[in-house]
Amino acid sequence: MSSVARAIRPFASRVLAQKPLAPACRASPAFRFPRGTRSFSQSPLSQLKKYTESHEWIELADGGKTAKIGITDYAAHSLGDVVYVELPEEDLEIAAGEPVGAVESVKSASDVLSPVAGKVIRGNSILEDKAKTINESPEGEGWIAEIEVADAAELEALLDEAAYKATIEA
């Protein structure tokens, strides 16, 4: 499978380099919480989501020890209908930039690269039976792998949401 992904990678790179899809709906900036309503703050690491230029995302879980990895909305829509997802094996040690899985669609196949080093805890078993979950919720239920992060400091070299959106708009 990975040899197919490598063979098709030039095509996938051209597809992913195309203009982004219509922007997602956003909450109105005029919305304000009623006076007296308290918001709950969370530690910055508990909801940290970062992106790579190769269209993967990583989101740290509470405590910053584990994270989920997947492909971005932009990548999922660019690939088209996903028909197969190759999930990683448990306890697989991976380095940043190494494949942690692969996604095959009707248009192409592409490796999913790990944004950081770590050890695979599990793959998303939902994708074994329902690969199209990636198209329905690529940055939610369509995550590909959960890993134990070796060094959370590696996340600082990745893009935040605004920087990632700027790269796909360029």
N, C-alpha and C. Protein backbone atom coordinates (compact mmCIF):
# COMPACT_ATOMS: atom_id res chain seq x y z
N MET A 1 0.82 -1.19 0.00
CA MET A 1 0.00 0.00 0.00
C MET A 1 0.86 1.26 0.00
N SER A 2 1.94 1.25 0.78
CA SER A 2 2.75 2.46 0.84
C SER A 2 3.46 2.70 -0.48
N SER A 3 3.76 1.65 -1.26
CA SER A 3 4.38 1.86 -2.57
C SER A 3 3.40 2.54 -3.51
N VAL A 4 2.11 2.21 -3.39
CA VAL A 4 1.09 2.87 -4.20
C VAL A 4 1.01 4.34 -3.81
N ALA A 5 1.04 4.61 -2.52
CA ALA A 5 0.98 5.99 -2.04
C ALA A 5 2.16 6.80 -2.55
N ARG A 6 3.35 6.20 -2.55
CA ARG A 6 4.52 6.92 -3.04
C ARG A 6 4.44 7.18 -4.54
N ALA A 7 3.87 6.24 -5.28
CA ALA A 7 3.76 6.40 -6.72
C ALA A 7 2.76 7.49 -7.09
N ILE A 8 1.74 7.66 -6.27
CA ILE A 8 0.69 8.63 -6.58
C ILE A 8 0.93 9.97 -5.89
N ARG A 9 1.91 10.03 -5.02
CA ARG A 9 2.16 11.25 -4.25
C ARG A 9 2.29 12.50 -5.11
N PRO A 10 3.00 12.50 -6.26
CA PRO A 10 3.08 13.74 -7.06
C PRO A 10 1.69 14.24 -7.47
N PHE A 11 0.79 13.32 -7.85
CA PHE A 11 -0.56 13.72 -8.21
C PHE A 11 -1.29 14.29 -7.00
N ALA A 12 -1.17 13.61 -5.87
CA ALA A 12 -1.85 14.07 -4.65
C ALA A 12 -1.33 15.44 -4.24
N SER A 13 -0.04 15.70 -4.42
CA SER A 13 0.52 17.00 -4.06
C SER A 13 -0.09 18.10 -4.92
N ARG A 14 -0.29 17.81 -6.21
CA ARG A 14 -0.92 18.81 -7.09
C ARG A 14 -2.36 19.05 -6.68
N VAL A 15 -3.08 17.99 -6.32
CA VAL A 15 -4.48 18.13 -5.92
C VAL A 15 -4.57 18.94 -4.64
N LEU A 16 -3.71 18.64 -3.69
CA LEU A 16 -3.76 19.33 -2.40
C LEU A 16 -3.28 20.77 -2.51
N ALA A 17 -2.52 21.11 -3.56
CA ALA A 17 -2.02 22.47 -3.73
C ALA A 17 -3.07 23.38 -4.37
N GLN A 18 -4.20 22.83 -4.78
CA GLN A 18 -5.25 23.63 -5.39
C GLN A 18 -5.88 24.55 -4.36
N LYS A 19 -6.68 25.50 -4.86
CA LYS A 19 -7.34 26.46 -3.98
C LYS A 19 -8.21 25.74 -2.96
N PRO A 20 -8.32 26.27 -1.76
CA PRO A 20 -9.13 25.63 -0.73
C PRO A 20 -10.62 25.74 -1.05
N LEU A 21 -11.37 24.89 -0.39
CA LEU A 21 -12.82 24.91 -0.53
C LEU A 21 -13.39 26.11 0.19
N ALA A 22 -14.67 26.32 0.04
CA ALA A 22 -15.32 27.45 0.69
C ALA A 22 -15.06 27.41 2.19
N PRO A 23 -14.85 28.58 2.80
CA PRO A 23 -14.56 28.59 4.24
C PRO A 23 -15.73 28.05 5.05
N ALA A 24 -15.39 27.44 6.15
CA ALA A 24 -16.41 26.86 7.03
C ALA A 24 -17.22 27.97 7.68
N CYS A 25 -18.41 27.61 8.09
CA CYS A 25 -19.26 28.59 8.77
C CYS A 25 -18.59 29.02 10.06
N ARG A 26 -18.71 30.27 10.36
CA ARG A 26 -18.12 30.79 11.59
C ARG A 26 -19.18 31.46 12.43
N ALA A 27 -18.96 31.47 13.71
CA ALA A 27 -19.89 32.15 14.61
C ALA A 27 -19.81 33.65 14.37
N SER A 28 -20.91 34.30 14.51
CA SER A 28 -20.95 35.73 14.31
C SER A 28 -20.09 36.44 15.35
N PRO A 29 -19.23 37.39 14.91
CA PRO A 29 -18.41 38.11 15.89
C PRO A 29 -19.24 39.01 16.79
N ALA A 30 -20.50 39.26 16.39
CA ALA A 30 -21.36 40.11 17.20
C ALA A 30 -21.95 39.36 18.39
N PHE A 31 -21.83 38.03 18.41
CA PHE A 31 -22.40 37.24 19.49
C PHE A 31 -21.62 37.49 20.79
N ARG A 32 -22.33 37.71 21.84
CA ARG A 32 -21.74 37.90 23.17
C ARG A 32 -22.52 37.05 24.16
N PHE A 33 -21.82 36.47 25.14
CA PHE A 33 -22.50 35.74 26.19
C PHE A 33 -23.24 36.74 27.07
N PRO A 34 -24.39 36.33 27.61
CA PRO A 34 -25.13 37.23 28.50
C PRO A 34 -24.28 37.64 29.70
N ARG A 35 -24.52 38.85 30.18
CA ARG A 35 -23.77 39.36 31.32
C ARG A 35 -23.94 38.45 32.51
N GLY A 36 -22.83 38.19 33.18
CA GLY A 36 -22.86 37.34 34.35
C GLY A 36 -22.54 35.88 34.03
N THR A 37 -22.47 35.54 32.76
CA THR A 37 -22.13 34.18 32.37
C THR A 37 -20.63 33.99 32.49
N ARG A 38 -20.24 32.92 33.14
CA ARG A 38 -18.81 32.64 33.30
C ARG A 38 -18.37 31.64 32.27
N SER A 39 -17.20 31.85 31.72
CA SER A 39 -16.64 30.85 30.83
C SER A 39 -15.59 30.07 31.60
N PHE A 40 -15.40 28.84 31.22
CA PHE A 40 -14.41 28.01 31.86
C PHE A 40 -13.16 28.00 31.04
N SER A 41 -12.03 28.26 31.65
CA SER A 41 -10.78 28.22 30.90
C SER A 41 -10.13 26.86 31.09
N GLN A 42 -9.34 26.50 30.12
CA GLN A 42 -8.62 25.24 30.17
C GLN A 42 -7.15 25.52 29.95
N SER A 43 -6.32 24.59 30.36
CA SER A 43 -4.90 24.79 30.15
C SER A 43 -4.62 24.77 28.66
N PRO A 44 -3.63 25.53 28.18
CA PRO A 44 -3.35 25.58 26.75
C PRO A 44 -3.00 24.22 26.17
N LEU A 45 -2.40 23.33 26.93
CA LEU A 45 -2.03 22.03 26.41
C LEU A 45 -3.22 21.10 26.25
N SER A 46 -4.29 21.32 27.04
CA SER A 46 -5.40 20.39 27.00
C SER A 46 -6.18 20.45 25.69
N GLN A 47 -6.17 21.55 24.99
CA GLN A 47 -6.90 21.68 23.73
C GLN A 47 -5.99 22.15 22.61
N LEU A 48 -4.74 21.76 22.64
CA LEU A 48 -3.79 22.20 21.65
C LEU A 48 -3.94 21.42 20.36
N LYS A 49 -4.25 22.11 19.27
CA LYS A 49 -4.37 21.49 17.97
C LYS A 49 -3.42 22.22 17.03
N LYS A 50 -2.58 21.45 16.37
CA LYS A 50 -1.59 22.00 15.45
C LYS A 50 -1.72 21.31 14.10
N TYR A 51 -1.11 21.93 13.08
CA TYR A 51 -1.22 21.46 11.72
C TYR A 51 0.15 21.40 11.06
N THR A 52 0.24 20.57 10.00
CA THR A 52 1.46 20.51 9.21
C THR A 52 1.17 21.06 7.81
N GLU A 53 2.22 21.41 7.09
CA GLU A 53 2.05 21.88 5.73
C GLU A 53 1.61 20.75 4.80
N SER A 54 1.80 19.50 5.23
CA SER A 54 1.38 18.36 4.42
C SER A 54 -0.05 17.91 4.77
N HIS A 55 -0.80 18.78 5.47
CA HIS A 55 -2.23 18.63 5.72
C HIS A 55 -2.61 17.57 6.74
N GLU A 56 -1.77 17.37 7.76
CA GLU A 56 -2.14 16.55 8.91
C GLU A 56 -2.40 17.46 10.10
N TRP A 57 -3.18 16.98 11.05
CA TRP A 57 -3.40 17.71 12.29
C TRP A 57 -3.06 16.78 13.45
N ILE A 58 -2.76 17.41 14.58
CA ILE A 58 -2.50 16.67 15.81
C ILE A 58 -3.15 17.46 16.94
N GLU A 59 -3.82 16.75 17.83
CA GLU A 59 -4.47 17.40 18.97
C GLU A 59 -4.10 16.67 20.24
N LEU A 60 -3.48 17.41 21.15
CA LEU A 60 -3.09 16.83 22.44
C LEU A 60 -4.32 16.61 23.31
N ALA A 61 -4.32 15.50 24.02
CA ALA A 61 -5.37 15.21 24.99
C ALA A 61 -4.99 15.84 26.32
N ASP A 62 -5.88 15.76 27.29
CA ASP A 62 -5.61 16.30 28.62
C ASP A 62 -4.30 15.76 29.15
N GLY A 63 -3.49 16.61 29.70
CA GLY A 63 -2.22 16.20 30.27
C GLY A 63 -1.07 16.28 29.29
N GLY A 64 -1.35 16.34 28.01
CA GLY A 64 -0.30 16.48 27.02
C GLY A 64 0.54 15.25 26.78
N LYS A 65 0.10 14.09 27.25
CA LYS A 65 0.89 12.86 27.08
C LYS A 65 0.48 12.09 25.81
N THR A 66 -0.80 12.19 25.44
CA THR A 66 -1.27 11.50 24.26
C THR A 66 -1.88 12.50 23.28
N ALA A 67 -1.98 12.07 22.01
CA ALA A 67 -2.55 12.95 20.99
C ALA A 67 -3.19 12.11 19.90
N LYS A 68 -4.17 12.71 19.23
CA LYS A 68 -4.78 12.07 18.07
C LYS A 68 -4.25 12.77 16.82
N ILE A 69 -4.09 11.97 15.75
CA ILE A 69 -3.56 12.46 14.48
C ILE A 69 -4.57 12.14 13.39
N GLY A 70 -4.72 13.07 12.45
CA GLY A 70 -5.61 12.83 11.31
C GLY A 70 -5.25 13.75 10.17
N ILE A 71 -6.08 13.73 9.13
CA ILE A 71 -5.88 14.65 8.01
C ILE A 71 -6.87 15.79 8.14
N THR A 72 -6.54 16.93 7.56
CA THR A 72 -7.36 18.13 7.69
C THR A 72 -8.60 18.05 6.81
N ASP A 73 -9.56 18.94 7.08
CA ASP A 73 -10.75 19.07 6.24
C ASP A 73 -10.35 19.30 4.80
N TYR A 74 -9.39 20.20 4.60
CA TYR A 74 -8.93 20.54 3.25
C TYR A 74 -8.41 19.30 2.52
N ALA A 75 -7.59 18.50 3.19
CA ALA A 75 -7.04 17.29 2.57
C ALA A 75 -8.14 16.29 2.26
N ALA A 76 -9.08 16.10 3.18
CA ALA A 76 -10.16 15.14 2.97
C ALA A 76 -11.02 15.53 1.77
N HIS A 77 -11.34 16.80 1.66
CA HIS A 77 -12.15 17.26 0.53
C HIS A 77 -11.36 17.20 -0.78
N SER A 78 -10.07 17.44 -0.72
CA SER A 78 -9.23 17.37 -1.92
C SER A 78 -9.06 15.95 -2.42
N LEU A 79 -8.99 15.00 -1.49
CA LEU A 79 -8.82 13.59 -1.88
C LEU A 79 -10.08 13.01 -2.50
N GLY A 80 -11.23 13.50 -2.14
CA GLY A 80 -12.48 12.92 -2.63
C GLY A 80 -12.95 11.82 -1.71
N ASP A 81 -13.78 10.94 -2.23
CA ASP A 81 -14.38 9.87 -1.43
C ASP A 81 -13.32 8.87 -0.98
N VAL A 82 -13.12 8.77 0.33
CA VAL A 82 -12.14 7.84 0.89
C VAL A 82 -12.76 6.44 0.87
N VAL A 83 -11.99 5.47 0.34
CA VAL A 83 -12.48 4.10 0.23
C VAL A 83 -11.73 3.12 1.13
N TYR A 84 -10.52 3.50 1.58
CA TYR A 84 -9.73 2.61 2.43
C TYR A 84 -8.77 3.42 3.27
N VAL A 85 -8.59 3.01 4.52
CA VAL A 85 -7.63 3.64 5.41
C VAL A 85 -6.73 2.56 6.00
N GLU A 86 -5.41 2.73 5.82
CA GLU A 86 -4.45 1.81 6.42
C GLU A 86 -4.09 2.36 7.79
N LEU A 87 -4.41 1.61 8.83
CA LEU A 87 -4.16 2.04 10.20
C LEU A 87 -2.82 1.50 10.69
N PRO A 88 -2.20 2.20 11.65
CA PRO A 88 -0.92 1.73 12.18
C PRO A 88 -1.10 0.58 13.16
N GLU A 89 -0.03 -0.17 13.37
CA GLU A 89 -0.03 -1.23 14.36
C GLU A 89 0.20 -0.64 15.75
N GLU A 90 -0.39 -1.24 16.76
CA GLU A 90 -0.17 -0.79 18.14
C GLU A 90 1.29 -0.97 18.51
N ASP A 91 1.79 -0.10 19.36
CA ASP A 91 3.16 -0.10 19.89
C ASP A 91 4.21 0.21 18.83
N LEU A 92 3.81 0.68 17.65
CA LEU A 92 4.75 1.08 16.61
C LEU A 92 5.43 2.37 17.02
N GLU A 93 6.76 2.37 17.06
CA GLU A 93 7.52 3.59 17.35
C GLU A 93 7.67 4.37 16.05
N ILE A 94 7.30 5.66 16.08
CA ILE A 94 7.40 6.49 14.89
C ILE A 94 8.17 7.76 15.19
N ALA A 95 8.85 8.26 14.18
CA ALA A 95 9.55 9.54 14.27
C ALA A 95 8.70 10.58 13.56
N ALA A 96 8.93 11.84 13.84
CA ALA A 96 8.22 12.91 13.16
C ALA A 96 8.51 12.82 11.67
N GLY A 97 7.46 12.91 10.86
CA GLY A 97 7.59 12.85 9.41
C GLY A 97 7.50 11.45 8.82
N GLU A 98 7.41 10.42 9.67
CA GLU A 98 7.27 9.05 9.17
C GLU A 98 5.79 8.72 8.99
N PRO A 99 5.48 7.81 8.05
CA PRO A 99 4.08 7.42 7.86
C PRO A 99 3.51 6.71 9.08
N VAL A 100 2.30 7.13 9.45
CA VAL A 100 1.58 6.51 10.55
C VAL A 100 0.34 5.80 10.02
N GLY A 101 0.12 5.91 8.73
CA GLY A 101 -1.01 5.28 8.07
C GLY A 101 -1.08 5.78 6.64
N ALA A 102 -2.13 5.37 5.94
CA ALA A 102 -2.34 5.81 4.56
C ALA A 102 -3.84 5.91 4.30
N VAL A 103 -4.19 6.80 3.38
CA VAL A 103 -5.58 7.01 3.00
C VAL A 103 -5.67 6.82 1.49
N GLU A 104 -6.62 5.98 1.07
CA GLU A 104 -6.84 5.74 -0.35
C GLU A 104 -8.23 6.24 -0.70
N SER A 105 -8.30 7.05 -1.76
CA SER A 105 -9.59 7.57 -2.21
C SER A 105 -9.80 7.19 -3.66
N VAL A 106 -10.94 7.61 -4.21
CA VAL A 106 -11.20 7.33 -5.61
C VAL A 106 -10.25 8.09 -6.52
N LYS A 107 -9.66 9.18 -6.02
CA LYS A 107 -8.73 9.99 -6.81
C LYS A 107 -7.27 9.56 -6.65
N SER A 108 -6.86 9.24 -5.44
CA SER A 108 -5.45 8.95 -5.19
C SER A 108 -5.26 8.25 -3.85
N ALA A 109 -4.01 7.98 -3.53
CA ALA A 109 -3.65 7.42 -2.23
C ALA A 109 -2.54 8.29 -1.66
N SER A 110 -2.50 8.41 -0.35
CA SER A 110 -1.50 9.27 0.27
C SER A 110 -1.15 8.76 1.66
N ASP A 111 0.14 8.83 2.00
CA ASP A 111 0.57 8.49 3.35
C ASP A 111 0.13 9.59 4.31
N VAL A 112 -0.15 9.21 5.54
CA VAL A 112 -0.43 10.16 6.61
C VAL A 112 0.83 10.18 7.46
N LEU A 113 1.47 11.34 7.54
CA LEU A 113 2.74 11.47 8.25
C LEU A 113 2.51 11.93 9.68
N SER A 114 3.27 11.39 10.60
CA SER A 114 3.17 11.79 12.00
C SER A 114 3.84 13.14 12.19
N PRO A 115 3.14 14.10 12.78
CA PRO A 115 3.74 15.42 13.02
C PRO A 115 4.83 15.40 14.09
N VAL A 116 4.77 14.42 15.00
CA VAL A 116 5.74 14.32 16.10
C VAL A 116 6.14 12.87 16.31
N ALA A 117 7.20 12.68 17.06
CA ALA A 117 7.67 11.33 17.40
C ALA A 117 6.81 10.78 18.55
N GLY A 118 6.69 9.47 18.57
CA GLY A 118 5.94 8.84 19.65
C GLY A 118 5.72 7.37 19.41
N LYS A 119 4.81 6.80 20.20
CA LYS A 119 4.48 5.38 20.08
C LYS A 119 2.97 5.26 19.89
N VAL A 120 2.56 4.49 18.89
CA VAL A 120 1.15 4.32 18.58
C VAL A 120 0.46 3.56 19.72
N ILE A 121 -0.63 4.15 20.21
CA ILE A 121 -1.46 3.50 21.23
C ILE A 121 -2.51 2.64 20.53
N ARG A 122 -3.16 3.24 19.51
CA ARG A 122 -4.18 2.51 18.76
C ARG A 122 -4.54 3.28 17.49
N GLY A 123 -5.09 2.55 16.55
CA GLY A 123 -5.67 3.14 15.35
C GLY A 123 -7.16 3.30 15.56
N ASN A 124 -7.80 4.11 14.76
CA ASN A 124 -9.24 4.34 14.87
C ASN A 124 -9.99 3.20 14.19
N SER A 125 -10.47 2.23 14.96
CA SER A 125 -11.11 1.04 14.42
C SER A 125 -12.39 1.35 13.64
N ILE A 126 -13.00 2.49 13.88
CA ILE A 126 -14.20 2.89 13.13
C ILE A 126 -13.89 2.95 11.64
N LEU A 127 -12.66 3.37 11.29
CA LEU A 127 -12.29 3.54 9.90
C LEU A 127 -12.12 2.22 9.15
N GLU A 128 -11.94 1.12 9.88
CA GLU A 128 -11.81 -0.19 9.22
C GLU A 128 -13.11 -0.56 8.49
N ASP A 129 -14.24 -0.28 9.10
CA ASP A 129 -15.53 -0.62 8.52
C ASP A 129 -16.18 0.54 7.78
N LYS A 130 -15.82 1.76 8.16
CA LYS A 130 -16.48 2.94 7.59
C LYS A 130 -15.43 4.01 7.27
N ALA A 131 -14.66 3.79 6.19
CA ALA A 131 -13.58 4.71 5.81
C ALA A 131 -14.10 6.11 5.49
N LYS A 132 -15.34 6.21 5.03
CA LYS A 132 -15.87 7.52 4.66
C LYS A 132 -16.09 8.44 5.86
N THR A 133 -15.88 7.93 7.07
CA THR A 133 -15.95 8.79 8.26
C THR A 133 -14.94 9.93 8.12
N ILE A 134 -13.84 9.68 7.42
CA ILE A 134 -12.85 10.74 7.19
C ILE A 134 -13.46 11.87 6.39
N ASN A 135 -14.29 11.57 5.40
CA ASN A 135 -14.94 12.62 4.62
C ASN A 135 -16.00 13.36 5.44
N GLU A 136 -16.68 12.64 6.31
CA GLU A 136 -17.75 13.22 7.10
C GLU A 136 -17.23 14.07 8.26
N SER A 137 -16.14 13.66 8.88
CA SER A 137 -15.61 14.36 10.05
C SER A 137 -14.09 14.18 10.16
N PRO A 138 -13.34 14.77 9.21
CA PRO A 138 -11.89 14.53 9.20
C PRO A 138 -11.15 15.06 10.43
N GLU A 139 -11.65 16.11 11.03
CA GLU A 139 -10.97 16.66 12.20
C GLU A 139 -11.74 16.36 13.49
N GLY A 140 -12.55 15.32 13.42
CA GLY A 140 -13.32 14.88 14.58
C GLY A 140 -13.23 13.37 14.71
N GLU A 141 -14.33 12.68 14.40
CA GLU A 141 -14.40 11.22 14.51
C GLU A 141 -13.51 10.50 13.51
N GLY A 142 -13.03 11.20 12.49
CA GLY A 142 -12.21 10.57 11.46
C GLY A 142 -10.72 10.58 11.74
N TRP A 143 -10.31 10.70 13.00
CA TRP A 143 -8.88 10.66 13.33
C TRP A 143 -8.32 9.29 12.96
N ILE A 144 -7.02 9.22 12.72
CA ILE A 144 -6.41 7.99 12.23
C ILE A 144 -5.67 7.21 13.31
N ALA A 145 -4.91 7.92 14.13
CA ALA A 145 -4.12 7.22 15.16
C ALA A 145 -4.07 8.03 16.44
N GLU A 146 -3.97 7.32 17.54
CA GLU A 146 -3.72 7.94 18.84
C GLU A 146 -2.32 7.51 19.25
N ILE A 147 -1.49 8.48 19.62
CA ILE A 147 -0.12 8.17 19.97
C ILE A 147 0.24 8.70 21.35
N GLU A 148 1.25 8.10 21.93
CA GLU A 148 1.87 8.61 23.14
C GLU A 148 3.00 9.51 22.66
N VAL A 149 2.91 10.79 22.96
CA VAL A 149 3.86 11.78 22.44
C VAL A 149 5.18 11.66 23.19
N ALA A 150 6.28 11.57 22.43
CA ALA A 150 7.61 11.45 23.03
C ALA A 150 8.07 12.79 23.61
N ASP A 151 7.85 13.89 22.88
CA ASP A 151 8.30 15.20 23.32
C ASP A 151 7.32 16.26 22.85
N ALA A 152 6.49 16.77 23.75
CA ALA A 152 5.47 17.76 23.41
C ALA A 152 6.07 19.05 22.88
N ALA A 153 7.35 19.30 23.14
CA ALA A 153 8.00 20.51 22.64
C ALA A 153 8.07 20.52 21.11
N GLU A 154 7.99 19.34 20.47
CA GLU A 154 8.00 19.26 19.00
C GLU A 154 6.80 19.99 18.39
N LEU A 155 5.73 20.12 19.15
CA LEU A 155 4.53 20.79 18.64
C LEU A 155 4.75 22.27 18.35
N GLU A 156 5.73 22.86 19.00
CA GLU A 156 5.97 24.29 18.81
C GLU A 156 6.43 24.61 17.40
N ALA A 157 7.00 23.65 16.69
CA ALA A 157 7.46 23.87 15.32
C ALA A 157 6.32 23.75 14.31
N LEU A 158 5.14 23.30 14.75
CA LEU A 158 4.01 23.11 13.85
C LEU A 158 3.19 24.38 13.73
N LEU A 159 2.26 24.39 12.78
CA LEU A 159 1.44 25.57 12.50
C LEU A 159 0.20 25.61 13.39
N ASP A 160 -0.18 26.82 13.81
CA ASP A 160 -1.47 26.96 14.48
C ASP A 160 -2.54 27.07 13.39
N GLU A 161 -3.80 27.15 13.77
CA GLU A 161 -4.88 27.15 12.79
C GLU A 161 -4.78 28.32 11.81
N ALA A 162 -4.49 29.51 12.30
CA ALA A 162 -4.40 30.69 11.42
C ALA A 162 -3.26 30.55 10.41
N ALA A 163 -2.11 30.07 10.86
CA ALA A 163 -0.97 29.90 9.95
C ALA A 163 -1.26 28.81 8.92
N TYR A 164 -1.93 27.74 9.34
CA TYR A 164 -2.28 26.68 8.39
C TYR A 164 -3.24 27.20 7.33
N LYS A 165 -4.27 27.93 7.74
CA LYS A 165 -5.22 28.47 6.78
C LYS A 165 -4.55 29.43 5.81
N ALA A 166 -3.56 30.18 6.29
CA ALA A 166 -2.81 31.08 5.40
C ALA A 166 -2.05 30.30 4.34
N THR A 167 -1.52 29.12 4.69
CA THR A 167 -0.77 28.33 3.71
C THR A 167 -1.69 27.76 2.63
N ILE A 168 -2.90 27.36 2.98
CA ILE A 168 -3.79 26.80 1.97
C ILE A 168 -4.46 27.88 1.13
N GLU A 169 -4.49 29.10 1.63
CA GLU A 169 -5.04 30.20 0.85
C GLU A 169 -4.03 30.78 -0.12
N ALA A 170 -2.74 30.53 0.14
CA ALA A 170 -1.70 31.10 -0.72
C ALA A 170 -1.62 30.40 -2.06
